């Protein structure tokens, strides 16, 4: 069934808001199969620039949102870049340490000469201020959305520039749980070289931590 979808059909379903996992669930297919078939049909996420000037002047703020159209407005660049995953939809006053860490990581990386790419969907944070990073993607923190941002940034690399990696360790549990869906070679900010994505995800589960605390061996004083 999915193999018979035309590019027009894929684009229509994506414009209606169906995610790849939702389509996979409805068609009893693996999410990876749905993503591969969609991309093979030439349907990928495009990113538009938010018009912060209300069409009165030309907007140049690098503040992007996703859609499914024909052209993307992400500008090509010859500089290496690092993607930082924010904390996601926290409440006001919650997780301020995550926002602090993401903002300072962006500032330090910019001082080092790298382009900084912030991915976050919480408007009540400093990290979603478009002056904090070179580009801001106001996107949900899901495996599909993050993968599309990574693909867009890789496509925007010219003259040998690269996406050096994705920092997952500064935004709390939400980005940490996404580490398993990112190419391991791109995952930056692991606590140690042995912290593979599956181990990161496992250690982040409260149920696992509770089990460890209850069943840890007794120690002598």
N, C-alpha and C. Protein backbone atom coordinates (compact mmCIF):
# COMPACT_ATOMS: atom_id res chain seq x y z
N UNK A 1 0.82 -1.21 0.00
CA UNK A 1 0.00 0.00 0.00
C UNK A 1 0.86 1.27 0.00
N UNK A 2 1.78 1.37 0.98
CA UNK A 2 2.62 2.56 1.06
C UNK A 2 3.53 2.71 -0.15
N UNK A 3 3.93 1.58 -0.70
CA UNK A 3 4.80 1.62 -1.87
C UNK A 3 4.13 2.29 -3.06
N UNK A 4 2.81 2.33 -3.06
CA UNK A 4 2.05 2.91 -4.17
C UNK A 4 1.75 4.39 -3.97
N UNK A 5 2.11 4.95 -2.81
CA UNK A 5 1.85 6.36 -2.57
C UNK A 5 2.67 7.23 -3.52
N UNK A 6 2.02 8.21 -4.09
CA UNK A 6 2.73 9.19 -4.91
C UNK A 6 3.28 10.29 -4.01
N UNK A 7 4.16 11.12 -4.57
CA UNK A 7 4.70 12.24 -3.79
C UNK A 7 3.57 13.17 -3.35
N UNK A 8 2.58 13.33 -4.19
CA UNK A 8 1.44 14.20 -3.84
C UNK A 8 0.68 13.65 -2.65
N UNK A 9 0.49 12.33 -2.62
CA UNK A 9 -0.22 11.72 -1.48
C UNK A 9 0.59 11.85 -0.20
N UNK A 10 1.89 11.56 -0.28
CA UNK A 10 2.74 11.70 0.90
C UNK A 10 2.69 13.12 1.43
N UNK A 11 2.83 14.09 0.54
CA UNK A 11 2.85 15.49 0.97
C UNK A 11 1.51 15.88 1.58
N UNK A 12 0.41 15.39 1.03
CA UNK A 12 -0.91 15.71 1.56
C UNK A 12 -1.07 15.20 2.99
N UNK A 13 -0.67 13.93 3.23
CA UNK A 13 -0.81 13.37 4.57
C UNK A 13 0.08 14.09 5.57
N UNK A 14 1.26 14.48 5.13
CA UNK A 14 2.15 15.20 6.03
C UNK A 14 1.61 16.60 6.31
N UNK A 15 1.03 17.25 5.33
CA UNK A 15 0.44 18.57 5.54
C UNK A 15 -0.78 18.48 6.45
N UNK A 16 -1.44 17.35 6.46
CA UNK A 16 -2.57 17.14 7.37
C UNK A 16 -2.11 16.90 8.81
N UNK A 17 -0.80 16.71 8.99
CA UNK A 17 -0.28 16.58 10.34
C UNK A 17 0.04 15.18 10.80
N UNK A 18 -0.02 14.19 9.90
CA UNK A 18 0.29 12.81 10.30
C UNK A 18 1.80 12.64 10.38
N UNK A 19 2.28 12.16 11.52
CA UNK A 19 3.70 11.87 11.68
C UNK A 19 4.01 10.51 11.07
N UNK A 20 5.28 10.24 10.86
CA UNK A 20 5.67 8.92 10.35
C UNK A 20 5.25 7.79 11.29
N UNK A 21 5.43 7.93 12.62
CA UNK A 21 4.97 6.87 13.51
C UNK A 21 3.46 6.64 13.45
N UNK A 22 2.69 7.70 13.26
CA UNK A 22 1.23 7.55 13.15
C UNK A 22 0.87 6.79 11.88
N UNK A 23 1.50 7.14 10.78
CA UNK A 23 1.24 6.44 9.51
C UNK A 23 1.66 4.99 9.63
N UNK A 24 2.80 4.75 10.29
CA UNK A 24 3.28 3.38 10.49
C UNK A 24 2.28 2.57 11.31
N UNK A 25 1.72 3.17 12.35
CA UNK A 25 0.76 2.48 13.19
C UNK A 25 -0.53 2.17 12.42
N UNK A 26 -0.98 3.10 11.63
CA UNK A 26 -2.21 2.90 10.86
C UNK A 26 -2.05 1.84 9.78
N UNK A 27 -0.83 1.72 9.25
CA UNK A 27 -0.58 0.78 8.15
C UNK A 27 0.14 -0.49 8.61
N UNK A 28 0.33 -0.63 9.92
CA UNK A 28 1.01 -1.81 10.48
C UNK A 28 2.38 -2.01 9.84
N UNK A 29 3.14 -0.93 9.77
CA UNK A 29 4.49 -0.98 9.23
C UNK A 29 5.46 -0.39 10.25
N UNK A 30 6.73 -0.64 10.04
CA UNK A 30 7.76 -0.06 10.90
C UNK A 30 7.93 1.41 10.54
N UNK A 31 8.20 2.22 11.56
CA UNK A 31 8.39 3.66 11.32
C UNK A 31 9.55 3.90 10.36
N UNK A 32 10.60 3.10 10.48
CA UNK A 32 11.75 3.26 9.59
C UNK A 32 11.36 3.04 8.13
N UNK A 33 10.45 2.08 7.88
CA UNK A 33 9.99 1.82 6.51
C UNK A 33 9.22 3.02 5.96
N UNK A 34 8.36 3.60 6.81
CA UNK A 34 7.56 4.75 6.38
C UNK A 34 8.47 5.92 6.03
N UNK A 35 9.44 6.20 6.89
CA UNK A 35 10.36 7.31 6.64
C UNK A 35 11.15 7.09 5.36
N UNK A 36 11.63 5.87 5.15
CA UNK A 36 12.41 5.56 3.95
C UNK A 36 11.57 5.72 2.69
N UNK A 37 10.34 5.24 2.71
CA UNK A 37 9.46 5.34 1.54
C UNK A 37 9.09 6.80 1.25
N UNK A 38 8.84 7.55 2.31
CA UNK A 38 8.50 8.97 2.12
C UNK A 38 9.67 9.73 1.48
N UNK A 39 10.85 9.50 2.00
CA UNK A 39 12.02 10.19 1.45
C UNK A 39 12.33 9.73 0.04
N UNK A 40 12.10 8.44 -0.22
CA UNK A 40 12.33 7.92 -1.57
C UNK A 40 11.38 8.57 -2.58
N UNK A 41 10.21 8.98 -2.10
CA UNK A 41 9.25 9.67 -2.97
C UNK A 41 9.60 11.15 -3.14
N UNK A 42 10.67 11.59 -2.47
CA UNK A 42 11.10 12.98 -2.60
C UNK A 42 10.39 13.95 -1.68
N UNK A 43 9.71 13.43 -0.67
CA UNK A 43 8.96 14.28 0.26
C UNK A 43 9.75 14.42 1.56
N UNK A 44 10.29 15.59 1.79
CA UNK A 44 11.05 15.86 3.00
C UNK A 44 10.53 17.15 3.62
N UNK A 45 10.84 17.32 4.89
CA UNK A 45 10.42 18.54 5.58
C UNK A 45 11.15 19.74 5.00
N UNK A 46 10.41 20.80 4.77
CA UNK A 46 11.03 22.07 4.38
C UNK A 46 10.85 23.05 5.53
N UNK A 47 11.79 23.97 5.64
CA UNK A 47 11.76 24.92 6.75
C UNK A 47 11.65 26.34 6.21
N UNK A 48 10.71 27.07 6.77
CA UNK A 48 10.47 28.46 6.39
C UNK A 48 10.94 29.38 7.51
N UNK A 49 11.23 30.62 7.15
CA UNK A 49 11.68 31.62 8.10
C UNK A 49 10.49 32.41 8.63
N UNK A 50 10.41 32.56 9.95
CA UNK A 50 9.35 33.35 10.55
C UNK A 50 9.52 34.81 10.14
N UNK A 51 8.45 35.41 9.64
CA UNK A 51 8.49 36.82 9.24
C UNK A 51 8.28 37.68 10.48
N UNK A 52 9.38 38.08 11.10
CA UNK A 52 9.30 38.87 12.32
C UNK A 52 9.04 40.35 12.05
N UNK A 53 8.96 40.73 10.78
CA UNK A 53 8.74 42.14 10.43
C UNK A 53 7.35 42.38 9.85
N UNK A 54 6.50 41.36 9.89
CA UNK A 54 5.11 41.48 9.41
C UNK A 54 5.05 42.01 7.98
N UNK A 55 6.01 41.58 7.17
CA UNK A 55 6.06 41.92 5.74
C UNK A 55 6.37 43.40 5.48
N UNK A 56 6.63 44.18 6.53
CA UNK A 56 6.95 45.60 6.34
C UNK A 56 8.38 45.75 5.81
N UNK A 57 9.28 44.89 6.31
CA UNK A 57 10.66 44.85 5.83
C UNK A 57 11.02 43.40 5.57
N UNK A 58 12.12 43.19 4.88
CA UNK A 58 12.59 41.84 4.65
C UNK A 58 13.11 41.25 5.96
N UNK A 59 12.56 40.11 6.35
CA UNK A 59 12.97 39.47 7.60
C UNK A 59 14.20 38.62 7.36
N UNK A 60 15.21 38.79 8.20
CA UNK A 60 16.44 38.01 8.07
C UNK A 60 16.75 37.21 9.33
N UNK A 61 15.83 37.21 10.28
CA UNK A 61 16.07 36.46 11.53
C UNK A 61 16.03 34.97 11.25
N UNK A 62 17.04 34.23 11.69
CA UNK A 62 17.14 32.79 11.41
C UNK A 62 16.26 31.97 12.35
N UNK A 63 14.96 32.12 12.21
CA UNK A 63 13.98 31.53 13.10
C UNK A 63 13.05 30.69 12.23
N UNK A 64 13.18 29.36 12.31
CA UNK A 64 12.54 28.49 11.33
C UNK A 64 11.42 27.62 11.92
N UNK A 65 10.46 27.34 11.08
CA UNK A 65 9.39 26.40 11.42
C UNK A 65 9.24 25.42 10.25
N UNK A 66 8.75 24.24 10.53
CA UNK A 66 8.69 23.20 9.50
C UNK A 66 7.35 23.19 8.78
N UNK A 67 7.39 22.76 7.55
CA UNK A 67 6.20 22.58 6.74
C UNK A 67 6.53 21.60 5.63
N UNK A 68 5.58 21.32 4.78
CA UNK A 68 5.84 20.42 3.64
C UNK A 68 5.47 21.15 2.36
N UNK A 69 6.43 21.89 1.84
CA UNK A 69 6.26 22.62 0.59
C UNK A 69 7.39 22.23 -0.35
N UNK A 70 7.65 23.06 -1.34
CA UNK A 70 8.63 22.70 -2.36
C UNK A 70 10.05 23.18 -2.06
N UNK A 71 10.17 24.31 -1.40
CA UNK A 71 11.50 24.87 -1.17
C UNK A 71 11.72 25.16 0.31
N UNK A 72 12.99 25.07 0.71
CA UNK A 72 13.36 25.37 2.08
C UNK A 72 14.12 26.69 2.12
N UNK A 73 14.02 27.41 3.24
CA UNK A 73 14.65 28.71 3.37
C UNK A 73 15.86 28.68 4.31
N UNK A 74 16.37 27.48 4.59
CA UNK A 74 17.60 27.37 5.39
C UNK A 74 18.77 27.75 4.50
N UNK A 75 19.51 28.75 4.91
CA UNK A 75 20.61 29.25 4.08
C UNK A 75 21.82 28.33 4.17
N UNK A 76 22.45 28.14 3.01
CA UNK A 76 23.66 27.33 2.96
C UNK A 76 24.80 28.07 3.66
N UNK A 77 25.72 27.29 4.23
CA UNK A 77 26.84 27.89 4.96
C UNK A 77 28.06 26.99 4.83
N UNK A 78 29.23 27.61 4.83
CA UNK A 78 30.49 26.88 4.73
C UNK A 78 31.15 26.69 6.09
N UNK A 79 30.41 26.92 7.17
CA UNK A 79 30.97 26.77 8.51
C UNK A 79 30.47 25.48 9.15
N UNK A 80 31.36 24.83 9.91
CA UNK A 80 30.95 23.66 10.68
C UNK A 80 29.93 24.09 11.74
N UNK A 81 29.03 23.17 12.08
CA UNK A 81 27.96 23.54 13.01
C UNK A 81 27.70 22.44 14.03
N UNK A 82 27.12 22.86 15.15
CA UNK A 82 26.73 21.94 16.22
C UNK A 82 25.26 22.19 16.54
N UNK A 83 24.51 21.12 16.67
CA UNK A 83 23.09 21.21 17.00
C UNK A 83 22.91 20.96 18.50
N UNK A 84 22.14 21.82 19.15
CA UNK A 84 21.86 21.70 20.58
C UNK A 84 20.37 21.43 20.76
N UNK A 85 20.04 20.36 21.48
CA UNK A 85 18.64 20.06 21.76
C UNK A 85 18.25 20.67 23.10
N UNK A 86 17.22 21.52 23.09
CA UNK A 86 16.75 22.16 24.30
C UNK A 86 15.92 21.23 25.16
N UNK A 87 15.25 21.81 26.14
CA UNK A 87 14.55 21.01 27.14
C UNK A 87 13.11 20.70 26.78
N UNK A 88 12.58 21.35 25.74
CA UNK A 88 11.20 21.05 25.37
C UNK A 88 10.18 21.80 26.21
N UNK A 89 8.95 21.29 26.25
CA UNK A 89 7.84 22.04 26.86
C UNK A 89 7.79 21.99 28.38
N UNK A 90 8.76 22.61 29.03
CA UNK A 90 8.69 22.74 30.49
C UNK A 90 7.76 23.90 30.87
N UNK A 91 7.27 23.84 32.09
CA UNK A 91 6.45 24.94 32.59
C UNK A 91 7.35 26.11 32.98
N UNK A 92 6.74 27.30 33.09
CA UNK A 92 7.49 28.49 33.49
C UNK A 92 8.10 28.26 34.87
N UNK A 93 9.38 28.52 35.00
CA UNK A 93 10.07 28.33 36.27
C UNK A 93 10.61 26.94 36.48
N UNK A 94 10.30 26.02 35.58
CA UNK A 94 10.79 24.64 35.72
C UNK A 94 11.98 24.42 34.80
N UNK A 95 13.00 23.76 35.28
CA UNK A 95 14.13 23.38 34.44
C UNK A 95 14.94 24.56 33.94
N UNK A 96 15.04 25.62 34.76
CA UNK A 96 15.80 26.79 34.31
C UNK A 96 17.27 26.44 34.11
N UNK A 97 17.76 25.42 34.85
CA UNK A 97 19.16 25.03 34.70
C UNK A 97 19.42 24.45 33.31
N UNK A 98 18.43 23.79 32.72
CA UNK A 98 18.59 23.24 31.37
C UNK A 98 18.72 24.37 30.36
N UNK A 99 17.87 25.37 30.50
CA UNK A 99 17.92 26.51 29.59
C UNK A 99 19.24 27.25 29.73
N UNK A 100 19.69 27.42 30.96
CA UNK A 100 20.97 28.09 31.23
C UNK A 100 22.11 27.36 30.53
N UNK A 101 22.13 26.04 30.66
CA UNK A 101 23.20 25.24 30.06
C UNK A 101 23.17 25.33 28.54
N UNK A 102 21.99 25.25 27.95
CA UNK A 102 21.87 25.31 26.49
C UNK A 102 22.32 26.66 25.94
N UNK A 103 21.92 27.72 26.63
CA UNK A 103 22.28 29.07 26.19
C UNK A 103 23.80 29.26 26.26
N UNK A 104 24.41 28.88 27.37
CA UNK A 104 25.85 29.08 27.51
C UNK A 104 26.64 28.18 26.56
N UNK A 105 26.14 26.98 26.28
CA UNK A 105 26.80 26.13 25.29
C UNK A 105 26.79 26.80 23.93
N UNK A 106 25.66 27.40 23.58
CA UNK A 106 25.56 28.10 22.30
C UNK A 106 26.52 29.27 22.23
N UNK A 107 26.60 30.04 23.30
CA UNK A 107 27.49 31.21 23.31
C UNK A 107 28.95 30.79 23.21
N UNK A 108 29.34 29.75 23.94
CA UNK A 108 30.73 29.29 23.92
C UNK A 108 31.10 28.74 22.54
N UNK A 109 30.20 27.93 21.96
CA UNK A 109 30.48 27.36 20.65
C UNK A 109 30.58 28.45 19.58
N UNK A 110 29.78 29.48 19.70
CA UNK A 110 29.88 30.60 18.74
C UNK A 110 31.22 31.30 18.89
N UNK A 111 31.66 31.48 20.14
CA UNK A 111 32.97 32.10 20.36
C UNK A 111 34.09 31.25 19.78
N UNK A 112 33.88 29.94 19.71
CA UNK A 112 34.89 29.04 19.15
C UNK A 112 34.86 29.00 17.63
N UNK A 113 33.89 29.70 17.04
CA UNK A 113 33.84 29.79 15.59
C UNK A 113 32.86 28.86 14.90
N UNK A 114 32.10 28.10 15.69
CA UNK A 114 31.13 27.18 15.10
C UNK A 114 29.77 27.85 14.96
N UNK A 115 29.01 27.39 13.99
CA UNK A 115 27.61 27.79 13.91
C UNK A 115 26.83 26.97 14.94
N UNK A 116 25.92 27.63 15.63
CA UNK A 116 25.13 26.92 16.64
C UNK A 116 23.68 26.85 16.18
N UNK A 117 23.12 25.65 16.31
CA UNK A 117 21.75 25.39 15.88
C UNK A 117 20.95 24.94 17.10
N UNK A 118 19.96 25.70 17.48
CA UNK A 118 19.14 25.37 18.64
C UNK A 118 17.81 24.76 18.17
N UNK A 119 17.42 23.66 18.83
CA UNK A 119 16.13 23.04 18.55
C UNK A 119 15.35 23.02 19.86
N UNK A 120 14.26 23.75 19.91
CA UNK A 120 13.46 23.81 21.12
C UNK A 120 12.07 24.34 20.76
N UNK A 121 11.10 24.03 21.61
CA UNK A 121 9.72 24.44 21.30
C UNK A 121 9.06 25.14 22.48
N UNK A 122 9.86 25.69 23.38
CA UNK A 122 9.32 26.37 24.55
C UNK A 122 9.56 27.88 24.40
N UNK A 123 8.51 28.66 24.17
CA UNK A 123 8.71 30.10 23.96
C UNK A 123 9.10 30.85 25.22
N UNK A 124 9.00 30.20 26.39
CA UNK A 124 9.30 30.87 27.65
C UNK A 124 10.75 30.62 28.08
N UNK A 125 11.63 30.42 27.13
CA UNK A 125 13.03 30.18 27.46
C UNK A 125 13.93 31.15 26.71
N UNK A 126 15.11 31.38 27.27
CA UNK A 126 16.08 32.25 26.59
C UNK A 126 16.66 31.54 25.37
N UNK A 127 16.72 30.22 25.41
CA UNK A 127 17.31 29.47 24.29
C UNK A 127 16.49 29.62 23.02
N UNK A 128 15.21 29.98 23.13
CA UNK A 128 14.40 30.18 21.93
C UNK A 128 14.37 31.63 21.48
N UNK A 129 15.22 32.45 22.06
CA UNK A 129 15.42 33.80 21.53
C UNK A 129 16.33 33.67 20.31
N UNK A 130 15.90 34.21 19.19
CA UNK A 130 16.66 33.97 17.95
C UNK A 130 18.02 34.65 17.93
N UNK A 131 18.36 35.43 18.96
CA UNK A 131 19.70 36.02 19.02
C UNK A 131 20.67 35.14 19.79
N UNK A 132 20.16 34.07 20.40
CA UNK A 132 21.02 33.19 21.20
C UNK A 132 21.89 32.30 20.33
N UNK A 133 21.36 31.85 19.21
CA UNK A 133 22.09 30.92 18.33
C UNK A 133 22.06 31.44 16.90
N UNK A 134 22.84 30.80 16.04
CA UNK A 134 22.86 31.22 14.63
C UNK A 134 21.56 30.87 13.92
N UNK A 135 20.95 29.75 14.33
CA UNK A 135 19.64 29.38 13.79
C UNK A 135 18.82 28.71 14.89
N UNK A 136 17.56 29.00 14.88
CA UNK A 136 16.63 28.40 15.84
C UNK A 136 15.54 27.66 15.08
N UNK A 137 15.35 26.40 15.45
CA UNK A 137 14.23 25.62 14.91
C UNK A 137 13.21 25.47 16.02
N UNK A 138 12.07 26.12 15.84
CA UNK A 138 11.01 26.03 16.85
C UNK A 138 10.18 24.78 16.55
N UNK A 139 10.71 23.62 16.97
CA UNK A 139 10.15 22.34 16.59
C UNK A 139 9.95 21.44 17.81
N UNK A 140 9.00 20.51 17.75
CA UNK A 140 8.85 19.52 18.82
C UNK A 140 10.10 18.65 18.92
N UNK A 141 10.38 18.20 20.10
CA UNK A 141 11.54 17.33 20.30
C UNK A 141 11.08 15.88 20.21
N UNK A 142 10.96 15.40 18.97
CA UNK A 142 10.60 14.02 18.68
C UNK A 142 11.66 13.45 17.75
N UNK A 143 11.78 12.12 17.68
CA UNK A 143 12.78 11.54 16.78
C UNK A 143 12.63 12.02 15.34
N UNK A 144 11.40 12.07 14.84
CA UNK A 144 11.20 12.48 13.45
C UNK A 144 11.59 13.94 13.23
N UNK A 145 11.16 14.83 14.12
CA UNK A 145 11.45 16.25 13.93
C UNK A 145 12.93 16.54 14.05
N UNK A 146 13.61 15.92 15.00
CA UNK A 146 15.05 16.13 15.15
C UNK A 146 15.79 15.59 13.93
N UNK A 147 15.37 14.42 13.43
CA UNK A 147 16.02 13.84 12.24
C UNK A 147 15.88 14.76 11.04
N UNK A 148 14.72 15.41 10.91
CA UNK A 148 14.51 16.30 9.76
C UNK A 148 15.37 17.56 9.89
N UNK A 149 15.56 18.05 11.11
CA UNK A 149 16.45 19.20 11.32
C UNK A 149 17.89 18.83 10.97
N UNK A 150 18.33 17.67 11.43
CA UNK A 150 19.69 17.22 11.12
C UNK A 150 19.87 17.10 9.61
N UNK A 151 18.88 16.52 8.92
CA UNK A 151 18.97 16.36 7.47
C UNK A 151 19.00 17.72 6.77
N UNK A 152 18.21 18.67 7.26
CA UNK A 152 18.20 20.01 6.65
C UNK A 152 19.53 20.71 6.83
N UNK A 153 20.13 20.56 8.02
CA UNK A 153 21.42 21.20 8.26
C UNK A 153 22.53 20.54 7.44
N UNK A 154 22.47 19.23 7.31
CA UNK A 154 23.47 18.55 6.48
C UNK A 154 23.34 18.97 5.02
N UNK A 155 22.11 19.16 4.56
CA UNK A 155 21.91 19.61 3.18
C UNK A 155 22.38 21.04 2.97
N UNK A 156 22.42 21.83 4.05
CA UNK A 156 22.84 23.23 3.94
C UNK A 156 24.35 23.41 4.07
N UNK A 157 25.08 22.32 4.27
CA UNK A 157 26.54 22.39 4.37
C UNK A 157 27.15 22.49 2.98
N UNK A 158 28.03 23.45 2.79
CA UNK A 158 28.73 23.61 1.51
C UNK A 158 30.22 23.78 1.77
N UNK A 159 31.02 23.56 0.74
CA UNK A 159 32.47 23.75 0.79
C UNK A 159 33.14 22.97 1.93
N UNK A 160 32.68 21.74 2.12
CA UNK A 160 33.31 20.88 3.10
C UNK A 160 32.84 21.05 4.53
N UNK A 161 31.86 21.92 4.77
CA UNK A 161 31.34 22.10 6.13
C UNK A 161 30.61 20.84 6.57
N UNK A 162 30.53 20.64 7.89
CA UNK A 162 29.91 19.44 8.43
C UNK A 162 29.03 19.77 9.63
N UNK A 163 28.06 18.90 9.87
CA UNK A 163 27.37 18.90 11.15
C UNK A 163 28.24 18.06 12.08
N UNK A 164 28.89 18.69 13.05
CA UNK A 164 29.84 17.99 13.90
C UNK A 164 29.15 17.08 14.90
N UNK A 165 27.93 17.41 15.27
CA UNK A 165 27.22 16.55 16.21
C UNK A 165 26.00 17.21 16.79
N UNK A 166 25.32 16.45 17.64
CA UNK A 166 24.10 16.89 18.31
C UNK A 166 24.32 16.75 19.81
N UNK A 167 24.21 17.85 20.55
CA UNK A 167 24.37 17.81 22.00
C UNK A 167 23.04 17.43 22.63
N UNK A 168 23.03 16.31 23.36
CA UNK A 168 21.78 15.80 23.94
C UNK A 168 21.76 15.90 25.46
N UNK A 169 22.87 16.30 26.07
CA UNK A 169 23.02 16.15 27.52
C UNK A 169 22.69 17.40 28.33
N UNK A 170 22.29 18.49 27.69
CA UNK A 170 22.11 19.74 28.42
C UNK A 170 20.65 20.11 28.66
N UNK A 171 19.73 19.43 28.01
CA UNK A 171 18.33 19.81 28.10
C UNK A 171 17.48 18.92 28.97
N UNK A 172 18.10 18.02 29.73
CA UNK A 172 17.32 17.17 30.62
C UNK A 172 16.88 15.87 29.97
N UNK A 173 15.82 15.28 30.53
CA UNK A 173 15.37 13.96 30.09
C UNK A 173 14.88 13.93 28.65
N UNK A 174 14.22 14.99 28.21
CA UNK A 174 13.62 14.96 26.86
C UNK A 174 14.66 14.72 25.78
N UNK A 175 15.73 15.51 25.68
CA UNK A 175 16.73 15.23 24.65
C UNK A 175 17.53 13.96 24.90
N UNK A 176 17.76 13.62 26.17
CA UNK A 176 18.49 12.39 26.45
C UNK A 176 17.77 11.18 25.89
N UNK A 177 16.45 11.18 25.98
CA UNK A 177 15.67 10.04 25.48
C UNK A 177 15.67 9.97 23.96
N UNK A 178 16.10 11.05 23.30
CA UNK A 178 16.17 11.05 21.84
C UNK A 178 17.50 10.51 21.32
N UNK A 179 18.45 10.28 22.21
CA UNK A 179 19.79 9.89 21.76
C UNK A 179 19.77 8.59 20.97
N UNK A 180 18.83 7.68 21.28
CA UNK A 180 18.79 6.40 20.59
C UNK A 180 18.36 6.54 19.14
N UNK A 181 17.68 7.65 18.82
CA UNK A 181 17.17 7.84 17.46
C UNK A 181 18.13 8.62 16.57
N UNK A 182 19.25 9.06 17.14
CA UNK A 182 20.24 9.85 16.40
C UNK A 182 21.43 8.96 16.05
N UNK A 183 22.02 9.20 14.90
CA UNK A 183 23.22 8.47 14.51
C UNK A 183 24.24 8.56 15.65
N UNK A 184 24.67 7.41 16.21
CA UNK A 184 25.61 7.45 17.35
C UNK A 184 26.85 8.29 17.09
N UNK A 185 27.28 8.36 15.84
CA UNK A 185 28.46 9.15 15.53
C UNK A 185 28.22 10.64 15.72
N UNK A 186 26.95 11.05 15.78
CA UNK A 186 26.63 12.47 15.92
C UNK A 186 26.28 12.86 17.35
N UNK A 187 26.12 11.88 18.23
CA UNK A 187 25.71 12.19 19.60
C UNK A 187 26.89 12.75 20.38
N UNK A 188 26.74 14.00 20.84
CA UNK A 188 27.79 14.67 21.62
C UNK A 188 27.31 14.86 23.06
N UNK A 189 28.26 15.02 23.95
CA UNK A 189 27.91 15.34 25.32
C UNK A 189 27.53 14.15 26.15
N UNK A 190 28.02 12.96 25.82
CA UNK A 190 27.75 11.81 26.67
C UNK A 190 28.55 11.93 27.96
N UNK A 191 27.99 11.42 29.06
CA UNK A 191 28.74 11.46 30.33
C UNK A 191 30.09 10.78 30.25
N UNK A 192 30.21 9.70 29.47
CA UNK A 192 31.49 9.02 29.31
C UNK A 192 31.47 8.30 27.96
N UNK A 193 32.65 7.91 27.44
CA UNK A 193 32.67 7.21 26.15
C UNK A 193 31.86 5.94 26.14
N UNK A 194 31.65 5.32 27.32
CA UNK A 194 30.88 4.08 27.38
C UNK A 194 29.38 4.32 27.41
N UNK A 195 28.96 5.58 27.49
CA UNK A 195 27.53 5.90 27.59
C UNK A 195 26.91 5.87 26.20
N UNK A 196 26.59 4.69 25.72
CA UNK A 196 25.94 4.54 24.43
C UNK A 196 24.49 4.99 24.54
N UNK A 197 23.83 5.34 23.42
CA UNK A 197 22.43 5.78 23.49
C UNK A 197 21.50 4.85 24.26
N UNK A 198 21.56 3.51 24.08
CA UNK A 198 20.68 2.66 24.89
C UNK A 198 20.93 2.79 26.38
N UNK A 199 22.22 2.93 26.78
CA UNK A 199 22.54 3.07 28.20
C UNK A 199 22.06 4.42 28.73
N UNK A 200 22.17 5.46 27.90
CA UNK A 200 21.68 6.77 28.30
C UNK A 200 20.18 6.71 28.56
N UNK A 201 19.46 6.08 27.64
CA UNK A 201 18.01 5.99 27.77
C UNK A 201 17.64 5.18 29.01
N UNK A 202 18.34 4.07 29.23
CA UNK A 202 18.03 3.21 30.36
C UNK A 202 18.29 3.93 31.67
N UNK A 203 19.41 4.63 31.77
CA UNK A 203 19.75 5.31 33.03
C UNK A 203 18.82 6.46 33.31
N UNK A 204 18.14 6.96 32.29
CA UNK A 204 17.23 8.07 32.49
C UNK A 204 15.85 7.66 32.96
N UNK A 205 15.57 6.39 32.99
CA UNK A 205 14.25 5.93 33.42
C UNK A 205 14.18 5.91 34.94
N UNK A 206 13.19 6.58 35.49
CA UNK A 206 13.05 6.62 36.94
C UNK A 206 12.81 5.23 37.53
N UNK A 207 12.10 4.38 36.77
CA UNK A 207 11.83 3.04 37.28
C UNK A 207 13.12 2.26 37.45
N UNK A 208 14.08 2.44 36.53
CA UNK A 208 15.37 1.76 36.63
C UNK A 208 16.14 2.29 37.83
N UNK A 209 16.12 3.61 38.01
CA UNK A 209 16.86 4.19 39.14
C UNK A 209 16.26 3.73 40.47
N UNK A 210 14.92 3.65 40.53
CA UNK A 210 14.29 3.18 41.76
C UNK A 210 14.71 1.74 42.06
N UNK A 211 14.75 0.88 41.02
CA UNK A 211 15.14 -0.52 41.21
C UNK A 211 16.56 -0.60 41.72
N UNK A 212 17.45 0.21 41.15
CA UNK A 212 18.86 0.21 41.57
C UNK A 212 18.98 0.62 43.03
N UNK A 213 18.21 1.66 43.42
CA UNK A 213 18.28 2.15 44.78
C UNK A 213 17.75 1.11 45.78
N UNK A 214 16.68 0.41 45.41
CA UNK A 214 16.08 -0.58 46.31
C UNK A 214 16.94 -1.83 46.41
N UNK A 215 17.55 -2.25 45.29
CA UNK A 215 18.25 -3.52 45.24
C UNK A 215 19.77 -3.39 45.29
N UNK A 216 20.27 -2.19 45.55
CA UNK A 216 21.73 -2.05 45.57
C UNK A 216 22.30 -2.85 46.76
N UNK A 217 23.48 -3.41 46.59
CA UNK A 217 24.07 -4.21 47.68
C UNK A 217 24.42 -3.33 48.87
N UNK A 218 24.32 -3.93 50.05
CA UNK A 218 24.67 -3.21 51.26
C UNK A 218 26.16 -2.97 51.33
N UNK A 219 26.54 -1.83 51.85
CA UNK A 219 27.97 -1.50 51.98
C UNK A 219 28.30 -1.37 53.45
N UNK A 220 29.47 -1.82 53.80
CA UNK A 220 29.91 -1.73 55.20
C UNK A 220 30.52 -0.36 55.45
N UNK A 221 30.34 0.11 56.63
CA UNK A 221 30.90 1.41 56.99
C UNK A 221 32.24 1.24 57.70
